[in-house]
N, C-alpha and C. Protein backbone atom coordinates (compact mmCIF):
# COMPACT_ATOMS: atom_id res chain seq x y z
N MET A 1 -21.90 -84.81 -80.55
CA MET A 1 -22.22 -86.19 -80.27
C MET A 1 -21.04 -87.04 -80.74
N THR A 2 -20.64 -87.96 -79.93
CA THR A 2 -19.55 -88.86 -80.26
C THR A 2 -20.10 -90.10 -80.94
N MET A 3 -19.56 -90.41 -82.08
CA MET A 3 -20.00 -91.61 -82.80
C MET A 3 -19.09 -92.76 -82.41
N SER A 4 -19.68 -93.89 -82.17
CA SER A 4 -18.93 -95.07 -81.77
C SER A 4 -18.74 -95.98 -82.96
N ASN A 5 -17.63 -96.68 -82.98
CA ASN A 5 -17.39 -97.68 -84.02
C ASN A 5 -18.07 -99.00 -83.69
N PHE A 6 -18.70 -99.09 -82.54
CA PHE A 6 -19.26 -100.35 -82.08
C PHE A 6 -20.77 -100.42 -82.21
N ILE A 7 -21.37 -99.54 -82.98
CA ILE A 7 -22.80 -99.61 -83.22
C ILE A 7 -23.04 -99.95 -84.68
N ASP A 8 -24.18 -100.56 -84.96
CA ASP A 8 -24.45 -100.96 -86.34
C ASP A 8 -24.94 -99.76 -87.16
N GLU A 9 -25.04 -99.96 -88.44
CA GLU A 9 -25.36 -98.87 -89.36
C GLU A 9 -26.76 -98.31 -89.13
N ALA A 10 -27.73 -99.16 -88.79
CA ALA A 10 -29.09 -98.69 -88.53
C ALA A 10 -29.12 -97.78 -87.31
N GLU A 11 -28.39 -98.15 -86.26
CA GLU A 11 -28.35 -97.33 -85.05
C GLU A 11 -27.62 -96.01 -85.32
N ARG A 12 -26.56 -96.07 -86.10
CA ARG A 12 -25.83 -94.84 -86.47
C ARG A 12 -26.74 -93.90 -87.25
N HIS A 13 -27.52 -94.44 -88.18
CA HIS A 13 -28.44 -93.64 -88.98
C HIS A 13 -29.50 -92.99 -88.08
N ALA A 14 -30.03 -93.75 -87.13
CA ALA A 14 -31.04 -93.22 -86.22
C ALA A 14 -30.48 -92.08 -85.39
N GLU A 15 -29.23 -92.22 -84.93
CA GLU A 15 -28.62 -91.16 -84.13
C GLU A 15 -28.38 -89.91 -84.95
N LEU A 16 -27.97 -90.08 -86.19
CA LEU A 16 -27.69 -88.92 -87.04
C LEU A 16 -28.96 -88.18 -87.47
N TYR A 17 -30.01 -88.94 -87.79
CA TYR A 17 -31.19 -88.33 -88.38
C TYR A 17 -32.42 -88.34 -87.48
N GLY A 18 -32.28 -88.85 -86.26
CA GLY A 18 -33.39 -88.83 -85.32
C GLY A 18 -34.54 -89.75 -85.70
N SER A 19 -34.27 -90.79 -86.46
CA SER A 19 -35.33 -91.73 -86.85
C SER A 19 -35.25 -92.94 -85.93
N TYR A 20 -35.97 -92.87 -84.83
CA TYR A 20 -35.90 -93.91 -83.82
C TYR A 20 -37.04 -94.90 -83.98
N ASN A 21 -36.80 -96.13 -83.53
CA ASN A 21 -37.87 -97.14 -83.58
C ASN A 21 -38.88 -96.86 -82.47
N THR A 22 -39.95 -97.63 -82.45
CA THR A 22 -41.05 -97.39 -81.51
C THR A 22 -40.59 -97.46 -80.06
N ARG A 23 -39.77 -98.45 -79.73
CA ARG A 23 -39.29 -98.61 -78.36
C ARG A 23 -38.43 -97.40 -77.95
N GLN A 24 -37.55 -96.97 -78.84
CA GLN A 24 -36.70 -95.83 -78.54
C GLN A 24 -37.53 -94.55 -78.37
N GLN A 25 -38.57 -94.38 -79.18
CA GLN A 25 -39.44 -93.22 -79.04
C GLN A 25 -40.16 -93.24 -77.69
N MET A 26 -40.58 -94.44 -77.27
CA MET A 26 -41.25 -94.57 -75.98
C MET A 26 -40.29 -94.23 -74.84
N LEU A 27 -39.04 -94.69 -74.93
CA LEU A 27 -38.04 -94.38 -73.91
C LEU A 27 -37.75 -92.88 -73.86
N LEU A 28 -37.64 -92.26 -75.03
CA LEU A 28 -37.39 -90.82 -75.07
C LEU A 28 -38.54 -90.04 -74.45
N ALA A 29 -39.77 -90.46 -74.71
CA ALA A 29 -40.93 -89.80 -74.11
C ALA A 29 -40.91 -89.96 -72.60
N GLU A 30 -40.52 -91.13 -72.12
CA GLU A 30 -40.45 -91.36 -70.67
C GLU A 30 -39.37 -90.50 -70.03
N VAL A 31 -38.22 -90.37 -70.68
CA VAL A 31 -37.13 -89.54 -70.15
C VAL A 31 -37.57 -88.08 -70.08
N GLU A 32 -38.35 -87.62 -71.06
CA GLU A 32 -38.83 -86.24 -71.04
C GLU A 32 -39.78 -86.00 -69.88
N ARG A 33 -40.50 -87.03 -69.45
CA ARG A 33 -41.43 -86.88 -68.33
C ARG A 33 -40.71 -86.82 -66.99
N ILE A 34 -39.51 -87.35 -66.92
CA ILE A 34 -38.74 -87.34 -65.67
C ILE A 34 -38.05 -85.98 -65.56
N PRO A 35 -38.20 -85.28 -64.45
CA PRO A 35 -37.49 -84.00 -64.29
C PRO A 35 -36.00 -84.26 -64.13
N ASN A 36 -35.31 -84.38 -65.24
CA ASN A 36 -33.93 -84.85 -65.30
C ASN A 36 -32.97 -84.01 -64.45
N GLN A 37 -33.10 -82.70 -64.47
CA GLN A 37 -32.18 -81.85 -63.72
C GLN A 37 -32.45 -81.93 -62.22
N LEU A 38 -33.69 -82.17 -61.84
CA LEU A 38 -34.05 -82.14 -60.43
C LEU A 38 -33.99 -83.52 -59.77
N ALA A 39 -34.12 -84.57 -60.55
CA ALA A 39 -34.16 -85.91 -59.99
C ALA A 39 -32.74 -86.43 -59.74
N ASP A 40 -32.61 -87.26 -58.74
CA ASP A 40 -31.31 -87.88 -58.51
C ASP A 40 -31.19 -89.13 -59.38
N LYS A 41 -29.99 -89.66 -59.44
CA LYS A 41 -29.70 -90.80 -60.31
C LYS A 41 -30.56 -92.01 -59.98
N VAL A 42 -30.77 -92.25 -58.71
CA VAL A 42 -31.55 -93.41 -58.28
C VAL A 42 -33.00 -93.28 -58.76
N HIS A 43 -33.57 -92.07 -58.65
CA HIS A 43 -34.95 -91.84 -59.10
C HIS A 43 -35.07 -92.08 -60.61
N ILE A 44 -34.12 -91.58 -61.37
CA ILE A 44 -34.15 -91.74 -62.83
C ILE A 44 -34.02 -93.21 -63.20
N ARG A 45 -33.07 -93.91 -62.60
CA ARG A 45 -32.90 -95.34 -62.90
C ARG A 45 -34.14 -96.14 -62.50
N ASN A 46 -34.73 -95.83 -61.34
CA ASN A 46 -35.93 -96.54 -60.91
C ASN A 46 -37.08 -96.31 -61.88
N ALA A 47 -37.23 -95.08 -62.36
CA ALA A 47 -38.29 -94.78 -63.32
C ALA A 47 -38.08 -95.54 -64.62
N LEU A 48 -36.84 -95.63 -65.07
CA LEU A 48 -36.56 -96.36 -66.30
C LEU A 48 -36.73 -97.86 -66.12
N HIS A 49 -36.31 -98.38 -64.98
CA HIS A 49 -36.48 -99.82 -64.74
C HIS A 49 -37.96 -100.17 -64.54
N ALA A 50 -38.76 -99.21 -64.09
CA ALA A 50 -40.19 -99.46 -63.93
C ALA A 50 -40.88 -99.72 -65.27
N ILE A 51 -40.31 -99.17 -66.34
CA ILE A 51 -40.85 -99.44 -67.68
C ILE A 51 -40.02 -100.50 -68.40
N ASN A 52 -39.25 -101.26 -67.63
CA ASN A 52 -38.45 -102.38 -68.15
C ASN A 52 -37.37 -101.95 -69.14
N ALA A 53 -36.75 -100.80 -68.89
CA ALA A 53 -35.63 -100.37 -69.72
C ALA A 53 -34.40 -101.18 -69.33
N SER A 54 -33.75 -101.74 -70.32
CA SER A 54 -32.56 -102.55 -70.05
C SER A 54 -31.35 -101.65 -69.86
N SER A 55 -30.27 -102.24 -69.39
CA SER A 55 -29.02 -101.49 -69.22
C SER A 55 -28.52 -100.98 -70.56
N ALA A 56 -28.69 -101.77 -71.60
CA ALA A 56 -28.27 -101.34 -72.94
C ALA A 56 -29.07 -100.12 -73.39
N GLU A 57 -30.37 -100.10 -73.08
CA GLU A 57 -31.19 -98.95 -73.46
C GLU A 57 -30.81 -97.71 -72.66
N ILE A 58 -30.51 -97.88 -71.39
CA ILE A 58 -30.07 -96.76 -70.56
C ILE A 58 -28.73 -96.23 -71.08
N ASN A 59 -27.83 -97.14 -71.44
CA ASN A 59 -26.55 -96.72 -72.02
C ASN A 59 -26.76 -95.99 -73.33
N TRP A 60 -27.73 -96.44 -74.14
CA TRP A 60 -28.03 -95.77 -75.40
C TRP A 60 -28.51 -94.34 -75.13
N LEU A 61 -29.39 -94.18 -74.14
CA LEU A 61 -29.89 -92.84 -73.79
C LEU A 61 -28.75 -91.93 -73.34
N GLN A 62 -27.81 -92.48 -72.58
CA GLN A 62 -26.67 -91.68 -72.14
C GLN A 62 -25.75 -91.36 -73.31
N ARG A 63 -25.47 -92.34 -74.15
CA ARG A 63 -24.55 -92.15 -75.27
C ARG A 63 -25.06 -91.11 -76.24
N THR A 64 -26.38 -91.08 -76.46
CA THR A 64 -26.94 -90.13 -77.40
C THR A 64 -27.21 -88.77 -76.79
N GLY A 65 -26.95 -88.63 -75.48
CA GLY A 65 -27.09 -87.33 -74.83
C GLY A 65 -28.49 -87.01 -74.35
N HIS A 66 -29.40 -87.97 -74.39
CA HIS A 66 -30.77 -87.74 -73.92
C HIS A 66 -30.88 -87.87 -72.40
N LEU A 67 -29.88 -88.48 -71.79
CA LEU A 67 -29.92 -88.73 -70.36
C LEU A 67 -28.52 -88.53 -69.80
N TYR A 68 -28.43 -87.83 -68.68
CA TYR A 68 -27.14 -87.63 -68.04
C TYR A 68 -27.24 -88.14 -66.59
N LEU A 69 -26.46 -89.16 -66.30
CA LEU A 69 -26.45 -89.71 -64.95
C LEU A 69 -25.12 -89.48 -64.25
N GLY A 70 -24.29 -88.66 -64.82
CA GLY A 70 -23.04 -88.27 -64.17
C GLY A 70 -22.00 -89.25 -64.14
């Protein structure tokens, strides 16, 4: 996992130790429900936007390796 210098200490701690807030846990659960390997990028983005995931949250999922959109 690549650590960024542009995240705050709480976010860095969550990435290192897996202690995510309620919203992040909900997003992770939603990503697990999406068949990530089989779905195309548009399907994954639509599913995330359907639960009101922001671009920052989608970027967080990609940065932490929970989501790969190529």
